[in-house]
Amino acid sequence: MDKIEIDHLSPFRLSDVAEVFAGVGVSREETIERPGDKLPVIGVRDLQDGAVSPVERLDTVGFHDHNRAVSYAVREDDVLVTGRGTLLKFGLVGSETAGAVASGNVIVIRPKPPTVGGALFAILSSDVFRPKIEVLRRGATTLLSLSPKDLAKIEIDLPPVDEQQRIAALVTDTQTAYRTAIDAAEIRRALARRLIDARLFGTNKQL
């Protein structure tokens, strides 16, 4: 894979700085359970708040052609975009999701060196850039589709690599802080519900 020289803010086609491809389609036959052939699959619902669900939270699918399915496995720092669906959603693949298989409803954007995945995610998912992708989506209002080929042609400005790395670090820190806050809030809510249920329906008056 050839490296691209990025020494200043320069316009590129997305295909110049990343591989862009759709995930693997899943047929009814491939959803049949086959011991040893089931793989975790990333669907549209697994892209939430800029993150991608970890492997243990993904649905698993049995594939007739295991080797072909594995070729669509995502890597850390891949950027994922919904290829089909009502909402345009983005996700940055972390170590907890790497190795899962992207479904046919998800587009994988794999940065080519020296492009930094976190910076690419920040650009594509930004409020400034998102409208450029929205106009490429076609179909009925309830189910829009985005072509990897069309997405690959879109022009993108990339800052120098050292600035990309700083942006990527900020993205990672922000997502970690956000996820930590959400997890803490969910724990507090669960404890509050247990306390309320105990007071309403339980006998332990000390709760």
C-alpha atoms as a PDB file:
ATOM      1  CA  MET A   1       0.000   0.000   0.000  1.00  0.00           C
ATOM      2  CA  ASP A   2       1.524   3.337  -1.056  1.00  0.00           C
ATOM      3  CA  LYS A   3       1.877   6.061   1.523  1.00  0.00           C
ATOM      4  CA  ILE A   4       0.543   9.534   0.800  1.00  0.00           C
ATOM      5  CA  GLU A   5       2.558  12.637   1.589  1.00  0.00           C
ATOM      6  CA  ILE A   6       0.505  14.911   3.839  1.00  0.00           C
ATOM      7  CA  ASP A   7       2.636  17.861   4.875  1.00  0.00           C
ATOM      8  CA  HIS A   8       0.017  20.608   4.767  1.00  0.00           C
ATOM      9  CA  LEU A   9      -3.739  21.084   4.547  1.00  0.00           C
ATOM     10  CA  SER A  10      -4.487  19.512   1.184  1.00  0.00           C
ATOM     11  CA  PRO A  11      -7.657  18.414  -0.606  1.00  0.00           C
ATOM     12  CA  PHE A  12      -7.835  14.704  -1.443  1.00  0.00           C
ATOM     13  CA  ARG A  13     -10.504  12.332  -2.570  1.00  0.00           C
ATOM     14  CA  LEU A  14     -11.457  10.029   0.278  1.00  0.00           C
ATOM     15  CA  SER A  15     -10.272   7.072  -1.820  1.00  0.00           C
ATOM     16  CA  ASP A  16      -6.788   8.646  -1.880  1.00  0.00           C
ATOM     17  CA  VAL A  17      -6.437   8.479   1.888  1.00  0.00           C
ATOM     18  CA  ALA A  18      -8.583   5.463   2.767  1.00  0.00           C
ATOM     19  CA  GLU A  19     -10.070   2.221   1.480  1.00  0.00           C
ATOM     20  CA  VAL A  20     -13.853   2.492   1.262  1.00  0.00           C
ATOM     21  CA  PHE A  21     -15.987  -0.663   1.049  1.00  0.00           C
ATOM     22  CA  ALA A  22     -19.298  -2.092   2.223  1.00  0.00           C
ATOM     23  CA  GLY A  23     -19.500  -4.956   4.677  1.00  0.00           C
ATOM     24  CA  VAL A  24     -20.617  -8.480   3.889  1.00  0.00           C
ATOM     25  CA  GLY A  25     -24.240  -9.231   3.062  1.00  0.00           C
ATOM     26  CA  VAL A  26     -25.989 -11.772   5.253  1.00  0.00           C
ATOM     27  CA  SER A  27     -28.446 -14.136   3.581  1.00  0.00           C
ATOM     28  CA  ARG A  28     -31.053 -16.286   5.279  1.00  0.00           C
ATOM     29  CA  GLU A  29     -28.928 -19.334   4.624  1.00  0.00           C
ATOM     30  CA  GLU A  30     -25.984 -17.725   6.381  1.00  0.00           C
ATOM     31  CA  THR A  31     -27.992 -17.055   9.521  1.00  0.00           C
ATOM     32  CA  ILE A  32     -28.429 -20.785  10.132  1.00  0.00           C
ATOM     33  CA  GLU A  33     -26.524 -21.863  13.214  1.00  0.00           C
ATOM     34  CA  ARG A  34     -23.343 -23.725  12.394  1.00  0.00           C
ATOM     35  CA  PRO A  35     -21.159 -24.691  15.349  1.00  0.00           C
ATOM     36  CA  GLY A  36     -17.764 -23.053  15.088  1.00  0.00           C
ATOM     37  CA  ASP A  37     -18.735 -20.779  12.197  1.00  0.00           C
ATOM     38  CA  LYS A  38     -20.535 -18.014  14.079  1.00  0.00           C
ATOM     39  CA  LEU A  39     -18.919 -14.592  14.040  1.00  0.00           C
ATOM     40  CA  PRO A  40     -19.801 -11.279  15.759  1.00  0.00           C
ATOM     41  CA  VAL A  41     -21.402  -8.884  13.275  1.00  0.00           C
ATOM     42  CA  ILE A  42     -21.642  -5.089  13.386  1.00  0.00           C
ATOM     43  CA  GLY A  43     -25.009  -3.694  12.324  1.00  0.00           C
ATOM     44  CA  VAL A  44     -26.383  -0.172  12.126  1.00  0.00           C
ATOM     45  CA  ARG A  45     -27.690  -0.300  15.690  1.00  0.00           C
ATOM     46  CA  ASP A  46     -24.164  -1.015  16.955  1.00  0.00           C
ATOM     47  CA  LEU A  47     -23.008   2.484  15.979  1.00  0.00           C
ATOM     48  CA  GLN A  48     -23.879   4.683  18.933  1.00  0.00           C
ATOM     49  CA  ASP A  49     -22.587   8.131  19.905  1.00  0.00           C
ATOM     50  CA  GLY A  50     -19.487   7.788  17.743  1.00  0.00           C
ATOM     51  CA  ALA A  51     -18.488   4.454  19.244  1.00  0.00           C
ATOM     52  CA  VAL A  52     -18.984   0.860  18.078  1.00  0.00           C
ATOM     53  CA  SER A  53     -20.334  -1.817  20.398  1.00  0.00           C
ATOM     54  CA  PRO A  54     -17.689  -4.181  21.793  1.00  0.00           C
ATOM     55  CA  VAL A  55     -17.516  -7.745  20.465  1.00  0.00           C
ATOM     56  CA  GLU A  56     -19.310  -9.255  23.470  1.00  0.00           C
ATOM     57  CA  ARG A  57     -22.401  -7.114  22.814  1.00  0.00           C
ATOM     58  CA  LEU A  58     -22.709  -7.922  19.115  1.00  0.00           C
ATOM     59  CA  ASP A  59     -25.088 -10.429  17.567  1.00  0.00           C
ATOM     60  CA  THR A  60     -23.385 -13.474  16.085  1.00  0.00           C
ATOM     61  CA  VAL A  61     -24.150 -14.968  12.677  1.00  0.00           C
ATOM     62  CA  GLY A  62     -23.285 -18.324  11.164  1.00  0.00           C
ATOM     63  CA  PHE A  63     -21.649 -17.861   7.751  1.00  0.00           C
ATOM     64  CA  HIS A  64     -21.592 -20.451   5.005  1.00  0.00           C
ATOM     65  CA  ASP A  65     -18.273 -19.070   3.748  1.00  0.00           C
ATOM     66  CA  HIS A  66     -16.249 -18.389   6.890  1.00  0.00           C
ATOM     67  CA  ASN A  67     -13.118 -17.188   5.081  1.00  0.00           C
ATOM     68  CA  ARG A  68     -15.062 -14.683   2.993  1.00  0.00           C
ATOM     69  CA  ALA A  69     -16.765 -13.292   6.097  1.00  0.00           C
ATOM     70  CA  VAL A  70     -13.449 -12.872   7.910  1.00  0.00           C
ATOM     71  CA  SER A  71     -12.150 -10.730   5.043  1.00  0.00           C
ATOM     72  CA  TYR A  72     -14.689  -8.080   6.144  1.00  0.00           C
ATOM     73  CA  ALA A  73     -13.425  -7.993   9.729  1.00  0.00           C
ATOM     74  CA  VAL A  74     -12.834  -4.462  10.973  1.00  0.00           C
ATOM     75  CA  ARG A  75      -9.557  -3.162  12.371  1.00  0.00           C
ATOM     76  CA  GLU A  76      -8.819  -0.707  15.132  1.00  0.00           C
ATOM     77  CA  ASP A  77      -9.121   2.901  13.877  1.00  0.00           C
ATOM     78  CA  ASP A  78     -11.443   1.965  10.998  1.00  0.00           C
ATOM     79  CA  VAL A  79     -14.235   4.505  10.575  1.00  0.00           C
ATOM     80  CA  LEU A  80     -17.725   3.050  10.088  1.00  0.00           C
ATOM     81  CA  VAL A  81     -20.673   4.803   8.422  1.00  0.00           C
ATOM     82  CA  THR A  82     -24.231   3.593   7.950  1.00  0.00           C
ATOM     83  CA  GLY A  83     -24.702   2.518   4.340  1.00  0.00           C
ATOM     84  CA  ARG A  84     -28.446   1.954   4.705  1.00  0.00           C
ATOM     85  CA  GLY A  85     -30.893   3.314   7.219  1.00  0.00           C
ATOM     86  CA  THR A  86     -32.893   6.346   8.272  1.00  0.00           C
ATOM     87  CA  LEU A  87     -30.092   8.023  10.218  1.00  0.00           C
ATOM     88  CA  LEU A  88     -26.544   8.760   9.155  1.00  0.00           C
ATOM     89  CA  LYS A  89     -24.368   7.359  11.931  1.00  0.00           C
ATOM     90  CA  PHE A  90     -20.618   7.118  12.446  1.00  0.00           C
ATOM     91  CA  GLY A  91     -18.391   4.978  14.616  1.00  0.00           C
ATOM     92  CA  LEU A  92     -14.676   4.690  15.335  1.00  0.00           C
ATOM     93  CA  VAL A  93     -13.522   1.098  15.850  1.00  0.00           C
ATOM     94  CA  GLY A  94     -11.603   0.509  19.067  1.00  0.00           C
ATOM     95  CA  SER A  95      -9.621  -2.495  20.269  1.00  0.00           C
ATOM     96  CA  GLU A  96     -12.762  -3.884  21.933  1.00  0.00           C
ATOM     97  CA  THR A  97     -14.479  -4.260  18.528  1.00  0.00           C
ATOM     98  CA  ALA A  98     -11.560  -5.120  16.224  1.00  0.00           C
ATOM     99  CA  GLY A  99     -12.045  -8.471  14.513  1.00  0.00           C
ATOM    100  CA  ALA A 100     -15.838  -8.255  14.283  1.00  0.00           C
ATOM    101  CA  VAL A 101     -17.414  -8.472  10.822  1.00  0.00           C
ATOM    102  CA  ALA A 102     -19.065  -5.424   9.232  1.00  0.00           C
ATOM    103  CA  SER A 103     -22.533  -6.162   7.875  1.00  0.00           C
ATOM    104  CA  GLY A 104     -23.724  -5.111   4.433  1.00  0.00           C
ATOM    105  CA  ASN A 105     -25.535  -2.118   5.948  1.00  0.00           C
ATOM    106  CA  VAL A 106     -22.254  -0.634   7.157  1.00  0.00           C
ATOM    107  CA  ILE A 107     -19.512   1.070   5.121  1.00  0.00           C
ATOM    108  CA  VAL A 108     -15.927   0.628   6.281  1.00  0.00           C
ATOM    109  CA  ILE A 109     -13.457   3.486   5.792  1.00  0.00           C
ATOM    110  CA  ARG A 110      -9.956   2.139   6.442  1.00  0.00           C
ATOM    111  CA  PRO A 111      -7.281   4.864   6.619  1.00  0.00           C
ATOM    112  CA  LYS A 112      -4.186   4.422   4.478  1.00  0.00           C
ATOM    113  CA  PRO A 113      -0.858   5.374   6.108  1.00  0.00           C
ATOM    114  CA  PRO A 114      -0.102   7.977   7.259  1.00  0.00           C
ATOM    115  CA  THR A 115      -3.763   9.027   7.612  1.00  0.00           C
ATOM    116  CA  VAL A 116      -4.936   8.768  11.229  1.00  0.00           C
ATOM    117  CA  GLY A 117      -8.292   7.087  11.789  1.00  0.00           C
ATOM    118  CA  GLY A 118      -9.353   9.237  14.737  1.00  0.00           C
ATOM    119  CA  ALA A 119      -8.791  12.429  12.761  1.00  0.00           C
ATOM    120  CA  LEU A 120     -10.628  11.008   9.739  1.00  0.00           C
ATOM    121  CA  PHE A 121     -13.559  10.144  12.002  1.00  0.00           C
ATOM    122  CA  ALA A 122     -13.562  13.660  13.469  1.00  0.00           C
ATOM    123  CA  ILE A 123     -13.698  15.230  10.008  1.00  0.00           C
ATOM    124  CA  LEU A 124     -16.347  12.971   8.474  1.00  0.00           C
ATOM    125  CA  SER A 125     -18.685  13.056  11.491  1.00  0.00           C
ATOM    126  CA  SER A 126     -18.369  16.806  12.056  1.00  0.00           C
ATOM    127  CA  ASP A 127     -21.354  19.122  11.704  1.00  0.00           C
ATOM    128  CA  VAL A 128     -19.440  20.903   8.939  1.00  0.00           C
ATOM    129  CA  PHE A 129     -18.747  17.805   6.840  1.00  0.00           C
ATOM    130  CA  ARG A 130     -21.845  15.694   7.550  1.00  0.00           C
ATOM    131  CA  PRO A 131     -24.094  17.608   5.085  1.00  0.00           C
ATOM    132  CA  LYS A 132     -21.690  16.725   2.257  1.00  0.00           C
ATOM    133  CA  ILE A 133     -22.351  13.051   2.956  1.00  0.00           C
ATOM    134  CA  GLU A 134     -26.081  13.523   3.533  1.00  0.00           C
ATOM    135  CA  VAL A 135     -26.567  14.781  -0.041  1.00  0.00           C
ATOM    136  CA  LEU A 136     -25.080  11.533  -1.387  1.00  0.00           C
ATOM    137  CA  ARG A 137     -27.755   9.394   0.257  1.00  0.00           C
ATOM    138  CA  ARG A 138     -30.556   8.164  -1.987  1.00  0.00           C
ATOM    139  CA  GLY A 139     -33.883   6.404  -1.651  1.00  0.00           C
ATOM    140  CA  ALA A 140     -37.111   6.748   0.274  1.00  0.00           C
ATOM    141  CA  THR A 141     -37.186   8.931   3.363  1.00  0.00           C
ATOM    142  CA  THR A 142     -37.609   5.859   5.576  1.00  0.00           C
ATOM    143  CA  LEU A 143     -34.633   3.961   4.162  1.00  0.00           C
ATOM    144  CA  LEU A 144     -31.794   5.902   2.569  1.00  0.00           C
ATOM    145  CA  SER A 145     -28.722   4.277   1.057  1.00  0.00           C
ATOM    146  CA  LEU A 146     -25.167   5.511   0.668  1.00  0.00           C
ATOM    147  CA  SER A 147     -22.895   4.075  -2.007  1.00  0.00           C
ATOM    148  CA  PRO A 148     -19.272   3.341  -1.038  1.00  0.00           C
ATOM    149  CA  LYS A 149     -18.315   4.371  -4.574  1.00  0.00           C
ATOM    150  CA  ASP A 150     -19.953   7.786  -4.184  1.00  0.00           C
ATOM    151  CA  LEU A 151     -18.487   8.243  -0.714  1.00  0.00           C
ATOM    152  CA  ALA A 152     -14.994   7.395  -1.984  1.00  0.00           C
ATOM    153  CA  LYS A 153     -15.158  10.308  -4.441  1.00  0.00           C
ATOM    154  CA  ILE A 154     -15.895  12.955  -1.857  1.00  0.00           C
ATOM    155  CA  GLU A 155     -13.172  15.571  -1.333  1.00  0.00           C
ATOM    156  CA  ILE A 156     -11.603  15.923   2.086  1.00  0.00           C
ATOM    157  CA  ASP A 157      -9.013  18.280   3.567  1.00  0.00           C
ATOM    158  CA  LEU A 158      -6.454  16.667   5.855  1.00  0.00           C
ATOM    159  CA  PRO A 159      -4.157  18.551   8.241  1.00  0.00           C
ATOM    160  CA  PRO A 160      -0.528  17.462   8.701  1.00  0.00           C
ATOM    161  CA  VAL A 161       0.006  14.093  10.372  1.00  0.00           C
ATOM    162  CA  ASP A 162       1.141  15.518  13.716  1.00  0.00           C
ATOM    163  CA  GLU A 163      -2.044  17.587  13.913  1.00  0.00           C
ATOM    164  CA  GLN A 164      -4.099  14.526  12.950  1.00  0.00           C
ATOM    165  CA  GLN A 165      -2.523  12.644  15.848  1.00  0.00           C
ATOM    166  CA  ARG A 166      -3.430  15.420  18.291  1.00  0.00           C
ATOM    167  CA  ILE A 167      -6.999  15.458  16.996  1.00  0.00           C
ATOM    168  CA  ALA A 168      -7.231  11.663  17.273  1.00  0.00           C
ATOM    169  CA  ALA A 169      -5.985  11.779  20.878  1.00  0.00           C
ATOM    170  CA  LEU A 170      -8.635  14.378  21.706  1.00  0.00           C
ATOM    171  CA  VAL A 171     -11.326  12.217  20.082  1.00  0.00           C
ATOM    172  CA  THR A 172     -10.233   9.207  22.146  1.00  0.00           C
ATOM    173  CA  ASP A 173     -10.141  11.190  25.402  1.00  0.00           C
ATOM    174  CA  THR A 174     -13.542  12.734  24.711  1.00  0.00           C
ATOM    175  CA  GLN A 175     -15.178   9.400  23.890  1.00  0.00           C
ATOM    176  CA  THR A 176     -13.654   7.759  26.975  1.00  0.00           C
ATOM    177  CA  ALA A 177     -14.903  10.553  29.233  1.00  0.00           C
ATOM    178  CA  TYR A 178     -18.356  10.433  27.633  1.00  0.00           C
ATOM    179  CA  ARG A 179     -18.625   6.657  27.951  1.00  0.00           C
ATOM    180  CA  THR A 180     -17.450   6.756  31.567  1.00  0.00           C
ATOM    181  CA  ALA A 181     -20.060   9.382  32.421  1.00  0.00           C
ATOM    182  CA  ILE A 182     -22.816   7.382  30.701  1.00  0.00           C
ATOM    183  CA  ASP A 183     -21.808   4.167  32.478  1.00  0.00           C
ATOM    184  CA  ALA A 184     -21.766   5.952  35.838  1.00  0.00           C
ATOM    185  CA  ALA A 185     -25.204   7.458  35.171  1.00  0.00           C
ATOM    186  CA  GLU A 186     -26.613   4.052  34.219  1.00  0.00           C
ATOM    187  CA  ILE A 187     -25.247   2.523  37.424  1.00  0.00           C
ATOM    188  CA  ARG A 188     -26.793   5.304  39.518  1.00  0.00           C
ATOM    189  CA  ARG A 189     -30.128   4.889  37.739  1.00  0.00           C
ATOM    190  CA  ALA A 190     -30.118   1.112  38.297  1.00  0.00           C
ATOM    191  CA  LEU A 191     -29.350   1.578  42.005  1.00  0.00           C
ATOM    192  CA  ALA A 192     -32.096   4.186  42.312  1.00  0.00           C
ATOM    193  CA  ARG A 193     -34.607   1.840  40.678  1.00  0.00           C
ATOM    194  CA  ARG A 194     -33.653  -0.947  43.072  1.00  0.00           C
ATOM    195  CA  LEU A 195     -34.093   1.425  46.015  1.00  0.00           C
ATOM    196  CA  ILE A 196     -37.482   2.602  44.773  1.00  0.00           C
ATOM    197  CA  ASP A 197     -38.675  -0.949  44.071  1.00  0.00           C
ATOM    198  CA  ALA A 198     -37.536  -2.073  47.517  1.00  0.00           C
ATOM    199  CA  ARG A 199     -39.429   0.760  49.206  1.00  0.00           C
ATOM    200  CA  LEU A 200     -42.539   0.231  47.116  1.00  0.00           C
ATOM    201  CA  PHE A 201     -42.726  -3.561  47.058  1.00  0.00           C
ATOM    202  CA  GLY A 202     -40.065  -4.947  49.384  1.00  0.00           C
ATOM    203  CA  THR A 203     -39.972  -5.530  53.136  1.00  0.00           C
ATOM    204  CA  ASN A 204     -36.456  -4.308  53.856  1.00  0.00           C
ATOM    205  CA  LYS A 205     -37.173  -0.849  55.290  1.00  0.00           C
ATOM    206  CA  GLN A 206     -33.442  -0.118  55.670  1.00  0.00           C
ATOM    207  CA  LEU A 207     -33.010   0.376  51.881  1.00  0.00           C
END
